[in-house]
PDB file of all heavy atoms in Angstrom:
ATOM      1  N   PRO A   1     -13.826 -21.405 -18.408  1.00  0.00           N
ATOM      2  CA  PRO A   1     -13.629 -20.090 -19.027  1.00  0.00           C
ATOM      3  C   PRO A   1     -14.264 -18.981 -18.224  1.00  0.00           C
ATOM      4  O   PRO A   1     -15.130 -19.211 -17.380  1.00  0.00           O
ATOM      5  CB  PRO A   1     -14.317 -20.250 -20.394  1.00  0.00           C
ATOM      6  CG  PRO A   1     -15.372 -21.284 -20.156  1.00  0.00           C
ATOM      7  CD  PRO A   1     -14.797 -22.234 -19.145  1.00  0.00           C
ATOM      8  N   LEU A   2     -13.811 -17.769 -18.502  1.00  0.00           N
ATOM      9  CA  LEU A   2     -14.405 -16.579 -17.916  1.00  0.00           C
ATOM     10  C   LEU A   2     -14.717 -15.610 -19.049  1.00  0.00           C
ATOM     11  O   LEU A   2     -13.831 -15.279 -19.857  1.00  0.00           O
ATOM     12  CB  LEU A   2     -13.445 -15.927 -16.914  1.00  0.00           C
ATOM     13  CG  LEU A   2     -13.955 -14.664 -16.221  1.00  0.00           C
ATOM     14  CD1 LEU A   2     -15.104 -15.001 -15.279  1.00  0.00           C
ATOM     15  CD2 LEU A   2     -12.825 -13.976 -15.455  1.00  0.00           C
ATOM     16  N   GLN A   3     -15.966 -15.175 -19.102  1.00  0.00           N
ATOM     17  CA  GLN A   3     -16.373 -14.284 -20.190  1.00  0.00           C
ATOM     18  C   GLN A   3     -15.602 -12.974 -20.130  1.00  0.00           C
ATOM     19  O   GLN A   3     -15.340 -12.437 -19.067  1.00  0.00           O
ATOM     20  CB  GLN A   3     -17.877 -14.006 -20.109  1.00  0.00           C
ATOM     21  CG  GLN A   3     -18.744 -15.247 -20.226  1.00  0.00           C
ATOM     22  CD  GLN A   3     -19.079 -15.828 -18.862  1.00  0.00           C
ATOM     23  OE1 GLN A   3     -18.328 -15.676 -17.899  1.00  0.00           O
ATOM     24  NE2 GLN A   3     -20.211 -16.503 -18.792  1.00  0.00           N
ATOM     25  N   ARG A   4     -15.272 -12.457 -21.304  1.00  0.00           N
ATOM     26  CA  ARG A   4     -14.527 -11.214 -21.399  1.00  0.00           C
ATOM     27  C   ARG A   4     -15.271 -10.070 -20.731  1.00  0.00           C
ATOM     28  O   ARG A   4     -14.667  -9.207 -20.075  1.00  0.00           O
ATOM     29  CB  ARG A   4     -14.268 -10.867 -22.879  1.00  0.00           C
ATOM     30  CG  ARG A   4     -13.474  -9.585 -23.074  1.00  0.00           C
ATOM     31  CD  ARG A   4     -12.047  -9.764 -22.635  1.00  0.00           C
ATOM     32  NE  ARG A   4     -11.339  -8.507 -22.528  1.00  0.00           N
ATOM     33  CZ  ARG A   4     -10.023  -8.392 -22.411  1.00  0.00           C
ATOM     34  NH1 ARG A   4      -9.274  -9.488 -22.387  1.00  0.00           N
ATOM     35  NH2 ARG A   4      -9.446  -7.223 -22.298  1.00  0.00           N
ATOM     36  N   GLU A   5     -16.593 -10.059 -20.862  1.00  0.00           N
ATOM     37  CA  GLU A   5     -17.367  -8.955 -20.267  1.00  0.00           C
ATOM     38  C   GLU A   5     -17.239  -8.941 -18.746  1.00  0.00           C
ATOM     39  O   GLU A   5     -17.253  -7.869 -18.128  1.00  0.00           O
ATOM     40  CB  GLU A   5     -18.836  -9.062 -20.675  1.00  0.00           C
ATOM     41  CG  GLU A   5     -19.527 -10.325 -20.206  1.00  0.00           C
ATOM     42  CD  GLU A   5     -20.952 -10.423 -20.683  1.00  0.00           C
ATOM     43  OE1 GLU A   5     -21.762  -9.547 -20.314  1.00  0.00           O
ATOM     44  OE2 GLU A   5     -21.266 -11.369 -21.425  1.00  0.00           O
ATOM     45  N   MET A   6     -17.081 -10.128 -18.137  1.00  0.00           N
ATOM     46  CA  MET A   6     -16.907 -10.170 -16.696  1.00  0.00           C
ATOM     47  C   MET A   6     -15.480  -9.791 -16.308  1.00  0.00           C
ATOM     48  O   MET A   6     -15.263  -9.118 -15.295  1.00  0.00           O
ATOM     49  CB  MET A   6     -17.264 -11.552 -16.153  1.00  0.00           C
ATOM     50  CG  MET A   6     -18.733 -11.918 -16.342  1.00  0.00           C
ATOM     51  SD  MET A   6     -19.876 -10.633 -15.725  1.00  0.00           S
ATOM     52  CE  MET A   6     -19.506 -10.663 -13.969  1.00  0.00           C
ATOM     53  N   GLU A   7     -14.506 -10.189 -17.094  1.00  0.00           N
ATOM     54  CA  GLU A   7     -13.133  -9.772 -16.820  1.00  0.00           C
ATOM     55  C   GLU A   7     -13.018  -8.252 -16.890  1.00  0.00           C
ATOM     56  O   GLU A   7     -12.317  -7.639 -16.059  1.00  0.00           O
ATOM     57  CB  GLU A   7     -12.182 -10.421 -17.820  1.00  0.00           C
ATOM     58  CG  GLU A   7     -10.730 -10.076 -17.563  1.00  0.00           C
ATOM     59  CD  GLU A   7      -9.770 -10.750 -18.517  1.00  0.00           C
ATOM     60  OE1 GLU A   7     -10.177 -11.712 -19.189  1.00  0.00           O
ATOM     61  OE2 GLU A   7      -8.597 -10.307 -18.589  1.00  0.00           O
ATOM     62  N   ASP A   8     -13.713  -7.642 -17.829  1.00  0.00           N
ATOM     63  CA  ASP A   8     -13.657  -6.187 -17.963  1.00  0.00           C
ATOM     64  C   ASP A   8     -14.259  -5.473 -16.755  1.00  0.00           C
ATOM     65  O   ASP A   8     -13.946  -4.303 -16.504  1.00  0.00           O
ATOM     66  CB  ASP A   8     -14.399  -5.753 -19.232  1.00  0.00           C
ATOM     67  CG  ASP A   8     -13.666  -6.145 -20.510  1.00  0.00           C
ATOM     68  OD1 ASP A   8     -12.466  -6.470 -20.433  1.00  0.00           O
ATOM     69  OD2 ASP A   8     -14.308  -6.147 -21.571  1.00  0.00           O
ATOM     70  N   GLU A   9     -15.128  -6.176 -16.015  1.00  0.00           N
ATOM     71  CA  GLU A   9     -15.782  -5.561 -14.861  1.00  0.00           C
ATOM     72  C   GLU A   9     -15.071  -5.859 -13.544  1.00  0.00           C
ATOM     73  O   GLU A   9     -15.590  -5.511 -12.470  1.00  0.00           O
ATOM     74  CB  GLU A   9     -17.239  -6.015 -14.772  1.00  0.00           C
ATOM     75  CG  GLU A   9     -18.137  -5.479 -15.871  1.00  0.00           C
ATOM     76  CD  GLU A   9     -18.357  -3.971 -15.786  1.00  0.00           C
ATOM     77  OE1 GLU A   9     -17.999  -3.357 -14.747  1.00  0.00           O
ATOM     78  OE2 GLU A   9     -18.891  -3.404 -16.760  1.00  0.00           O
ATOM     79  N   ILE A  10     -13.901  -6.447 -13.588  1.00  0.00           N
ATOM     80  CA  ILE A  10     -13.173  -6.726 -12.344  1.00  0.00           C
ATOM     81  C   ILE A  10     -12.999  -5.457 -11.501  1.00  0.00           C
ATOM     82  O   ILE A  10     -13.209  -5.490 -10.280  1.00  0.00           O
ATOM     83  CB  ILE A  10     -11.821  -7.402 -12.643  1.00  0.00           C
ATOM     84  CG1 ILE A  10     -12.063  -8.853 -13.088  1.00  0.00           C
ATOM     85  CG2 ILE A  10     -10.903  -7.372 -11.421  1.00  0.00           C
ATOM     86  CD1 ILE A  10     -10.817  -9.564 -13.579  1.00  0.00           C
ATOM     87  N   PRO A  11     -12.636  -4.303 -12.085  1.00  0.00           N
ATOM     88  CA  PRO A  11     -12.535  -3.085 -11.261  1.00  0.00           C
ATOM     89  C   PRO A  11     -13.843  -2.730 -10.546  1.00  0.00           C
ATOM     90  O   PRO A  11     -13.821  -2.211  -9.422  1.00  0.00           O
ATOM     91  CB  PRO A  11     -12.138  -2.006 -12.270  1.00  0.00           C
ATOM     92  CG  PRO A  11     -11.451  -2.757 -13.370  1.00  0.00           C
ATOM     93  CD  PRO A  11     -12.196  -4.047 -13.475  1.00  0.00           C
ATOM     94  N   THR A  12     -14.978  -3.014 -11.192  1.00  0.00           N
ATOM     95  CA  THR A  12     -16.270  -2.739 -10.563  1.00  0.00           C
ATOM     96  C   THR A  12     -16.433  -3.566  -9.296  1.00  0.00           C
ATOM     97  O   THR A  12     -16.862  -3.059  -8.245  1.00  0.00           O
ATOM     98  CB  THR A  12     -17.411  -3.035 -11.549  1.00  0.00           C
ATOM     99  OG1 THR A  12     -17.317  -2.118 -12.652  1.00  0.00           O
ATOM    100  CG2 THR A  12     -18.778  -2.900 -10.887  1.00  0.00           C
ATOM    101  N   PHE A  13     -16.071  -4.835  -9.371  1.00  0.00           N
ATOM    102  CA  PHE A  13     -16.251  -5.698  -8.208  1.00  0.00           C
ATOM    103  C   PHE A  13     -15.196  -5.437  -7.136  1.00  0.00           C
ATOM    104  O   PHE A  13     -15.474  -5.608  -5.940  1.00  0.00           O
ATOM    105  CB  PHE A  13     -16.272  -7.159  -8.651  1.00  0.00           C
ATOM    106  CG  PHE A  13     -17.538  -7.495  -9.384  1.00  0.00           C
ATOM    107  CD1 PHE A  13     -17.584  -7.455 -10.763  1.00  0.00           C
ATOM    108  CD2 PHE A  13     -18.701  -7.764  -8.680  1.00  0.00           C
ATOM    109  CE1 PHE A  13     -18.761  -7.716 -11.444  1.00  0.00           C
ATOM    110  CE2 PHE A  13     -19.885  -8.021  -9.350  1.00  0.00           C
ATOM    111  CZ  PHE A  13     -19.921  -7.997 -10.733  1.00  0.00           C
ATOM    112  N   ILE A  14     -14.027  -4.978  -7.540  1.00  0.00           N
ATOM    113  CA  ILE A  14     -13.037  -4.564  -6.541  1.00  0.00           C
ATOM    114  C   ILE A  14     -13.576  -3.387  -5.735  1.00  0.00           C
ATOM    115  O   ILE A  14     -13.452  -3.341  -4.503  1.00  0.00           O
ATOM    116  CB  ILE A  14     -11.700  -4.212  -7.221  1.00  0.00           C
ATOM    117  CG1 ILE A  14     -11.024  -5.493  -7.732  1.00  0.00           C
ATOM    118  CG2 ILE A  14     -10.777  -3.463  -6.257  1.00  0.00           C
ATOM    119  CD1 ILE A  14      -9.754  -5.238  -8.523  1.00  0.00           C
ATOM    120  N   MET A  15     -14.211  -2.440  -6.400  1.00  0.00           N
ATOM    121  CA  MET A  15     -14.765  -1.290  -5.687  1.00  0.00           C
ATOM    122  C   MET A  15     -15.994  -1.671  -4.860  1.00  0.00           C
ATOM    123  O   MET A  15     -16.203  -1.136  -3.772  1.00  0.00           O
ATOM    124  CB  MET A  15     -15.110  -0.162  -6.660  1.00  0.00           C
ATOM    125  CG  MET A  15     -13.899   0.497  -7.305  1.00  0.00           C
ATOM    126  SD  MET A  15     -12.592   0.977  -6.125  1.00  0.00           S
ATOM    127  CE  MET A  15     -13.473   1.998  -4.951  1.00  0.00           C
ATOM    128  N   LEU A  16     -16.798  -2.609  -5.368  1.00  0.00           N
ATOM    129  CA  LEU A  16     -17.934  -3.084  -4.576  1.00  0.00           C
ATOM    130  C   LEU A  16     -17.436  -3.692  -3.272  1.00  0.00           C
ATOM    131  O   LEU A  16     -17.965  -3.405  -2.186  1.00  0.00           O
ATOM    132  CB  LEU A  16     -18.730  -4.114  -5.378  1.00  0.00           C
ATOM    133  CG  LEU A  16     -19.914  -4.760  -4.644  1.00  0.00           C
ATOM    134  CD1 LEU A  16     -20.991  -3.727  -4.348  1.00  0.00           C
ATOM    135  CD2 LEU A  16     -20.485  -5.921  -5.462  1.00  0.00           C
ATOM    136  N   ARG A  17     -16.403  -4.522  -3.353  1.00  0.00           N
ATOM    137  CA  ARG A  17     -15.848  -5.135  -2.149  1.00  0.00           C
ATOM    138  C   ARG A  17     -15.247  -4.084  -1.221  1.00  0.00           C
ATOM    139  O   ARG A  17     -15.412  -4.143  -0.003  1.00  0.00           O
ATOM    140  CB  ARG A  17     -14.782  -6.157  -2.538  1.00  0.00           C
ATOM    141  CG  ARG A  17     -14.052  -6.782  -1.353  1.00  0.00           C
ATOM    142  CD  ARG A  17     -14.988  -7.590  -0.476  1.00  0.00           C
ATOM    143  NE  ARG A  17     -14.255  -8.233   0.613  1.00  0.00           N
ATOM    144  CZ  ARG A  17     -14.760  -9.159   1.413  1.00  0.00           C
ATOM    145  NH1 ARG A  17     -16.006  -9.544   1.257  1.00  0.00           N
ATOM    146  NH2 ARG A  17     -14.027  -9.690   2.366  1.00  0.00           N
ATOM    147  N   ARG A  18     -14.560  -3.113  -1.789  1.00  0.00           N
ATOM    148  CA  ARG A  18     -13.948  -2.073  -0.961  1.00  0.00           C
ATOM    149  C   ARG A  18     -15.022  -1.320  -0.174  1.00  0.00           C
ATOM    150  O   ARG A  18     -14.835  -0.994   1.011  1.00  0.00           O
ATOM    151  CB  ARG A  18     -13.157  -1.116  -1.850  1.00  0.00           C
ATOM    152  CG  ARG A  18     -12.421  -0.031  -1.085  1.00  0.00           C
ATOM    153  CD  ARG A  18     -11.137  -0.513  -0.460  1.00  0.00           C
ATOM    154  NE  ARG A  18     -10.429   0.573   0.219  1.00  0.00           N
ATOM    155  CZ  ARG A  18      -9.137   0.570   0.511  1.00  0.00           C
ATOM    156  NH1 ARG A  18      -8.401  -0.476   0.186  1.00  0.00           N
ATOM    157  NH2 ARG A  18      -8.572   1.587   1.126  1.00  0.00           N
ATOM    158  N   MET A  19     -16.136  -1.038  -0.813  1.00  0.00           N
ATOM    159  CA  MET A  19     -17.218  -0.346  -0.110  1.00  0.00           C
ATOM    160  C   MET A  19     -17.826  -1.222   0.982  1.00  0.00           C
ATOM    161  O   MET A  19     -18.203  -0.734   2.051  1.00  0.00           O
ATOM    162  CB  MET A  19     -18.283   0.093  -1.109  1.00  0.00           C
ATOM    163  CG  MET A  19     -17.818   1.195  -2.059  1.00  0.00           C
ATOM    164  SD  MET A  19     -17.415   2.723  -1.173  1.00  0.00           S
ATOM    165  CE  MET A  19     -19.057   3.257  -0.703  1.00  0.00           C
ATOM    166  N   LEU A  20     -17.917  -2.514   0.739  1.00  0.00           N
ATOM    167  CA  LEU A  20     -18.355  -3.436   1.770  1.00  0.00           C
ATOM    168  C   LEU A  20     -17.416  -3.386   2.978  1.00  0.00           C
ATOM    169  O   LEU A  20     -17.853  -3.444   4.136  1.00  0.00           O
ATOM    170  CB  LEU A  20     -18.407  -4.857   1.218  1.00  0.00           C
ATOM    171  CG  LEU A  20     -19.740  -5.340   0.646  1.00  0.00           C
ATOM    172  CD1 LEU A  20     -19.527  -6.587  -0.208  1.00  0.00           C
ATOM    173  CD2 LEU A  20     -20.725  -5.631   1.761  1.00  0.00           C
ATOM    174  N   GLU A  21     -16.127  -3.274   2.702  1.00  0.00           N
ATOM    175  CA  GLU A  21     -15.139  -3.217   3.780  1.00  0.00           C
ATOM    176  C   GLU A  21     -15.269  -1.927   4.588  1.00  0.00           C
ATOM    177  O   GLU A  21     -15.125  -1.943   5.817  1.00  0.00           O
ATOM    178  CB  GLU A  21     -13.728  -3.362   3.202  1.00  0.00           C
ATOM    179  CG  GLU A  21     -13.457  -4.747   2.654  1.00  0.00           C
ATOM    180  CD  GLU A  21     -12.245  -4.806   1.748  1.00  0.00           C
ATOM    181  OE1 GLU A  21     -11.606  -3.770   1.516  1.00  0.00           O
ATOM    182  OE2 GLU A  21     -11.959  -5.912   1.254  1.00  0.00           O
ATOM    183  N   VAL A  22     -15.547  -0.814   3.909  1.00  0.00           N
ATOM    184  CA  VAL A  22     -15.773   0.443   4.633  1.00  0.00           C
ATOM    185  C   VAL A  22     -16.942   0.273   5.600  1.00  0.00           C
ATOM    186  O   VAL A  22     -16.881   0.691   6.767  1.00  0.00           O
ATOM    187  CB  VAL A  22     -16.051   1.595   3.642  1.00  0.00           C
ATOM    188  CG1 VAL A  22     -16.534   2.840   4.377  1.00  0.00           C
ATOM    189  CG2 VAL A  22     -14.790   1.922   2.832  1.00  0.00           C
ATOM    190  N   ALA A  23     -18.014  -0.354   5.120  1.00  0.00           N
ATOM    191  CA  ALA A  23     -19.178  -0.583   5.980  1.00  0.00           C
ATOM    192  C   ALA A  23     -18.834  -1.516   7.136  1.00  0.00           C
ATOM    193  O   ALA A  23     -19.196  -1.262   8.292  1.00  0.00           O
ATOM    194  CB  ALA A  23     -20.323  -1.162   5.150  1.00  0.00           C
ATOM    195  N   TRP A  24     -18.146  -2.599   6.832  1.00  0.00           N
ATOM    196  CA  TRP A  24     -17.807  -3.606   7.855  1.00  0.00           C
ATOM    197  C   TRP A  24     -16.941  -2.998   8.953  1.00  0.00           C
ATOM    198  O   TRP A  24     -17.200  -3.195  10.140  1.00  0.00           O
ATOM    199  CB  TRP A  24     -17.089  -4.772   7.189  1.00  0.00           C
ATOM    200  CG  TRP A  24     -16.895  -5.965   8.071  1.00  0.00           C
ATOM    201  CD1 TRP A  24     -17.736  -7.022   8.218  1.00  0.00           C
ATOM    202  CD2 TRP A  24     -15.765  -6.219   8.921  1.00  0.00           C
ATOM    203  NE1 TRP A  24     -17.208  -7.917   9.116  1.00  0.00           N
ATOM    204  CE2 TRP A  24     -15.999  -7.463   9.565  1.00  0.00           C
ATOM    205  CE3 TRP A  24     -14.586  -5.533   9.203  1.00  0.00           C
ATOM    206  CZ2 TRP A  24     -15.098  -8.016  10.468  1.00  0.00           C
ATOM    207  CZ3 TRP A  24     -13.681  -6.088  10.109  1.00  0.00           C
ATOM    208  CH2 TRP A  24     -13.947  -7.310  10.718  1.00  0.00           C
ATOM    209  N   LEU A  25     -15.935  -2.230   8.553  1.00  0.00           N
ATOM    210  CA  LEU A  25     -15.057  -1.602   9.545  1.00  0.00           C
ATOM    211  C   LEU A  25     -15.817  -0.597  10.396  1.00  0.00           C
ATOM    212  O   LEU A  25     -15.599  -0.489  11.609  1.00  0.00           O
ATOM    213  CB  LEU A  25     -13.881  -0.922   8.838  1.00  0.00           C
ATOM    214  CG  LEU A  25     -12.879  -1.843   8.140  1.00  0.00           C
ATOM    215  CD1 LEU A  25     -11.922  -1.021   7.284  1.00  0.00           C
ATOM    216  CD2 LEU A  25     -12.099  -2.682   9.142  1.00  0.00           C
ATOM    217  N   GLY A  26     -16.720   0.148   9.771  1.00  0.00           N
ATOM    218  CA  GLY A  26     -17.454   1.172  10.507  1.00  0.00           C
ATOM    219  C   GLY A  26     -18.380   0.619  11.558  1.00  0.00           C
ATOM    220  O   GLY A  26     -18.583   1.234  12.615  1.00  0.00           O
ATOM    221  N   THR A  27     -18.955  -0.539  11.296  1.00  0.00           N
ATOM    222  CA  THR A  27     -19.888  -1.127  12.261  1.00  0.00           C
ATOM    223  C   THR A  27     -19.194  -2.078  13.231  1.00  0.00           C
ATOM    224  O   THR A  27     -19.866  -2.660  14.093  1.00  0.00           O
ATOM    225  CB  THR A  27     -21.015  -1.869  11.526  1.00  0.00           C
ATOM    226  OG1 THR A  27     -20.450  -2.829  10.623  1.00  0.00           O
ATOM    227  CG2 THR A  27     -21.882  -0.892  10.749  1.00  0.00           C
ATOM    228  N   ARG A  28     -17.894  -2.205  13.108  1.00  0.00           N
ATOM    229  CA  ARG A  28     -17.133  -3.086  14.009  1.00  0.00           C
ATOM    230  C   ARG A  28     -15.902  -2.354  14.543  1.00  0.00           C
ATOM    231  O   ARG A  28     -14.794  -2.864  14.572  1.00  0.00           O
ATOM    232  CB  ARG A  28     -16.752  -4.370  13.283  1.00  0.00           C
ATOM    233  CG  ARG A  28     -17.984  -5.250  13.003  1.00  0.00           C
ATOM    234  CD  ARG A  28     -17.824  -6.084  11.764  1.00  0.00           C
ATOM    235  NE  ARG A  28     -19.031  -6.850  11.478  1.00  0.00           N
ATOM    236  CZ  ARG A  28     -20.066  -6.393  10.775  1.00  0.00           C
ATOM    237  NH1 ARG A  28     -20.054  -5.149  10.316  1.00  0.00           N
ATOM    238  NH2 ARG A  28     -21.121  -7.141  10.544  1.00  0.00           N
ATOM    239  N   ARG A  29     -16.147  -1.128  14.963  1.00  0.00           N
ATOM    240  CA  ARG A  29     -15.061  -0.270  15.438  1.00  0.00           C
ATOM    241  C   ARG A  29     -14.378  -0.820  16.684  1.00  0.00           C
ATOM    242  O   ARG A  29     -13.269  -0.420  17.012  1.00  0.00           O
ATOM    243  CB  ARG A  29     -15.595   1.129  15.742  1.00  0.00           C
ATOM    244  CG  ARG A  29     -16.153   1.857  14.538  1.00  0.00           C
ATOM    245  CD  ARG A  29     -16.944   3.087  14.952  1.00  0.00           C
ATOM    246  NE  ARG A  29     -17.601   3.709  13.811  1.00  0.00           N
ATOM    247  CZ  ARG A  29     -17.220   4.849  13.260  1.00  0.00           C
ATOM    248  NH1 ARG A  29     -16.172   5.502  13.752  1.00  0.00           N
ATOM    249  NH2 ARG A  29     -17.872   5.355  12.222  1.00  0.00           N
ATOM    250  N   HIS A  30     -15.057  -1.706  17.392  1.00  0.00           N
ATOM    251  CA  HIS A  30     -14.495  -2.235  18.635  1.00  0.00           C
ATOM    252  C   HIS A  30     -13.356  -3.215  18.381  1.00  0.00           C
ATOM    253  O   HIS A  30     -12.576  -3.513  19.282  1.00  0.00           O
ATOM    254  CB  HIS A  30     -15.584  -2.935  19.447  1.00  0.00           C
ATOM    255  CG  HIS A  30     -16.174  -4.131  18.747  1.00  0.00           C
ATOM    256  ND1 HIS A  30     -17.085  -4.021  17.720  1.00  0.00           N
ATOM    257  CD2 HIS A  30     -15.976  -5.468  18.934  1.00  0.00           C
ATOM    258  CE1 HIS A  30     -17.424  -5.218  17.307  1.00  0.00           C
ATOM    259  NE2 HIS A  30     -16.771  -6.122  18.017  1.00  0.00           N
ATOM    260  N   LEU A  31     -13.244  -3.724  17.139  1.00  0.00           N
ATOM    261  CA  LEU A  31     -12.216  -4.726  16.853  1.00  0.00           C
ATOM    262  C   LEU A  31     -10.847  -4.062  16.705  1.00  0.00           C
ATOM    263  O   LEU A  31     -10.716  -2.988  16.111  1.00  0.00           O
ATOM    264  CB  LEU A  31     -12.551  -5.489  15.570  1.00  0.00           C
ATOM    265  CG  LEU A  31     -13.824  -6.343  15.586  1.00  0.00           C
ATOM    266  CD1 LEU A  31     -14.035  -6.986  14.234  1.00  0.00           C
ATOM    267  CD2 LEU A  31     -13.759  -7.395  16.683  1.00  0.00           C
ATOM    268  N   GLU A  32      -9.833  -4.724  17.201  1.00  0.00           N
ATOM    269  CA  GLU A  32      -8.469  -4.223  17.084  1.00  0.00           C
ATOM    270  C   GLU A  32      -8.078  -4.058  15.618  1.00  0.00           C
ATOM    271  O   GLU A  32      -7.403  -3.098  15.236  1.00  0.00           O
ATOM    272  CB  GLU A  32      -7.522  -5.183  17.790  1.00  0.00           C
ATOM    273  CG  GLU A  32      -6.077  -4.717  17.866  1.00  0.00           C
ATOM    274  CD  GLU A  32      -5.200  -5.674  18.644  1.00  0.00           C
ATOM    275  OE1 GLU A  32      -5.734  -6.456  19.456  1.00  0.00           O
ATOM    276  OE2 GLU A  32      -3.978  -5.655  18.427  1.00  0.00           O
ATOM    277  N   PHE A  33      -8.527  -4.988  14.766  1.00  0.00           N
ATOM    278  CA  PHE A  33      -8.228  -4.917  13.331  1.00  0.00           C
ATOM    279  C   PHE A  33      -8.795  -3.628  12.727  1.00  0.00           C
ATOM    280  O   PHE A  33      -8.107  -2.916  11.982  1.00  0.00           O
ATOM    281  CB  PHE A  33      -8.811  -6.137  12.627  1.00  0.00           C
ATOM    282  CG  PHE A  33      -8.596  -6.154  11.140  1.00  0.00           C
ATOM    283  CD1 PHE A  33      -7.379  -6.540  10.607  1.00  0.00           C
ATOM    284  CD2 PHE A  33      -9.618  -5.771  10.274  1.00  0.00           C
ATOM    285  CE1 PHE A  33      -7.183  -6.559   9.226  1.00  0.00           C
ATOM    286  CE2 PHE A  33      -9.426  -5.777   8.909  1.00  0.00           C
ATOM    287  CZ  PHE A  33      -8.205  -6.173   8.382  1.00  0.00           C
ATOM    288  N   SER A  34     -10.036  -3.317  13.051  1.00  0.00           N
ATOM    289  CA  SER A  34     -10.673  -2.109  12.521  1.00  0.00           C
ATOM    290  C   SER A  34      -9.960  -0.856  12.999  1.00  0.00           C
ATOM    291  O   SER A  34      -9.712   0.082  12.220  1.00  0.00           O
ATOM    292  CB  SER A  34     -12.137  -2.061  12.945  1.00  0.00           C
ATOM    293  OG  SER A  34     -12.838  -3.202  12.496  1.00  0.00           O
ATOM    294  N   GLN A  35      -9.622  -0.829  14.256  1.00  0.00           N
ATOM    295  CA  GLN A  35      -8.941   0.331  14.816  1.00  0.00           C
ATOM    296  C   GLN A  35      -7.572   0.542  14.175  1.00  0.00           C
ATOM    297  O   GLN A  35      -7.126   1.684  14.006  1.00  0.00           O
ATOM    298  CB  GLN A  35      -8.816   0.164  16.326  1.00  0.00           C
ATOM    299  CG  GLN A  35     -10.150   0.178  17.050  1.00  0.00           C
ATOM    300  CD  GLN A  35     -10.069  -0.339  18.474  1.00  0.00           C
ATOM    301  OE1 GLN A  35      -8.984  -0.611  18.977  1.00  0.00           O
ATOM    302  NE2 GLN A  35     -11.212  -0.479  19.131  1.00  0.00           N
ATOM    303  N   GLY A  36      -6.929  -0.543  13.788  1.00  0.00           N
ATOM    304  CA  GLY A  36      -5.626  -0.430  13.143  1.00  0.00           C
ATOM    305  C   GLY A  36      -5.695   0.233  11.779  1.00  0.00           C
ATOM    306  O   GLY A  36      -4.770   0.940  11.372  1.00  0.00           O
ATOM    307  N   LEU A  37      -6.787   0.011  11.054  1.00  0.00           N
ATOM    308  CA  LEU A  37      -6.946   0.631   9.734  1.00  0.00           C
ATOM    309  C   LEU A  37      -7.492   2.055   9.846  1.00  0.00           C
ATOM    310  O   LEU A  37      -7.041   2.956   9.143  1.00  0.00           O
ATOM    311  CB  LEU A  37      -7.873  -0.231   8.873  1.00  0.00           C
ATOM    312  CG  LEU A  37      -7.307  -1.586   8.459  1.00  0.00           C
ATOM    313  CD1 LEU A  37      -8.365  -2.412   7.739  1.00  0.00           C
ATOM    314  CD2 LEU A  37      -6.085  -1.419   7.566  1.00  0.00           C
ATOM    315  N   GLY A  38      -8.470   2.233  10.701  1.00  0.00           N
ATOM    316  CA  GLY A  38      -8.977   3.560  11.008  1.00  0.00           C
ATOM    317  C   GLY A  38      -9.490   4.339   9.814  1.00  0.00           C
ATOM    318  O   GLY A  38      -9.876   3.793   8.775  1.00  0.00           O
ATOM    319  N   THR A  39      -9.470   5.679   9.955  1.00  0.00           N
ATOM    320  CA  THR A  39      -9.999   6.553   8.906  1.00  0.00           C
ATOM    321  C   THR A  39      -9.147   6.531   7.649  1.00  0.00           C
ATOM    322  O   THR A  39      -9.633   6.873   6.563  1.00  0.00           O
ATOM    323  CB  THR A  39     -10.094   7.994   9.420  1.00  0.00           C
ATOM    324  OG1 THR A  39      -8.792   8.451   9.787  1.00  0.00           O
ATOM    325  CG2 THR A  39     -11.019   8.081  10.619  1.00  0.00           C
ATOM    326  N   GLY A  40      -7.888   6.111   7.769  1.00  0.00           N
ATOM    327  CA  GLY A  40      -7.028   6.044   6.594  1.00  0.00           C
ATOM    328  C   GLY A  40      -7.564   5.111   5.531  1.00  0.00           C
ATOM    329  O   GLY A  40      -7.313   5.316   4.336  1.00  0.00           O
ATOM    330  N   PHE A  41      -8.306   4.095   5.956  1.00  0.00           N
ATOM    331  CA  PHE A  41      -8.871   3.158   4.980  1.00  0.00           C
ATOM    332  C   PHE A  41      -9.908   3.857   4.111  1.00  0.00           C
ATOM    333  O   PHE A  41      -9.969   3.637   2.895  1.00  0.00           O
ATOM    334  CB  PHE A  41      -9.495   1.962   5.697  1.00  0.00           C
ATOM    335  CG  PHE A  41      -9.908   0.855   4.768  1.00  0.00           C
ATOM    336  CD1 PHE A  41      -8.973  -0.053   4.315  1.00  0.00           C
ATOM    337  CD2 PHE A  41     -11.226   0.726   4.359  1.00  0.00           C
ATOM    338  CE1 PHE A  41      -9.347  -1.080   3.447  1.00  0.00           C
ATOM    339  CE2 PHE A  41     -11.609  -0.291   3.498  1.00  0.00           C
ATOM    340  CZ  PHE A  41     -10.662  -1.196   3.041  1.00  0.00           C
TER     341      PHE A  41
END
């Protein structure tokens, strides 16, 4: 099972991950993958 309170917080964890990705891309600008996403991300 998954508690309802945790299901309700799925948007919170989606945004936490998205912010992690902003950080990851910014510190790895040399990668082709990062350059492909660029500032649009």
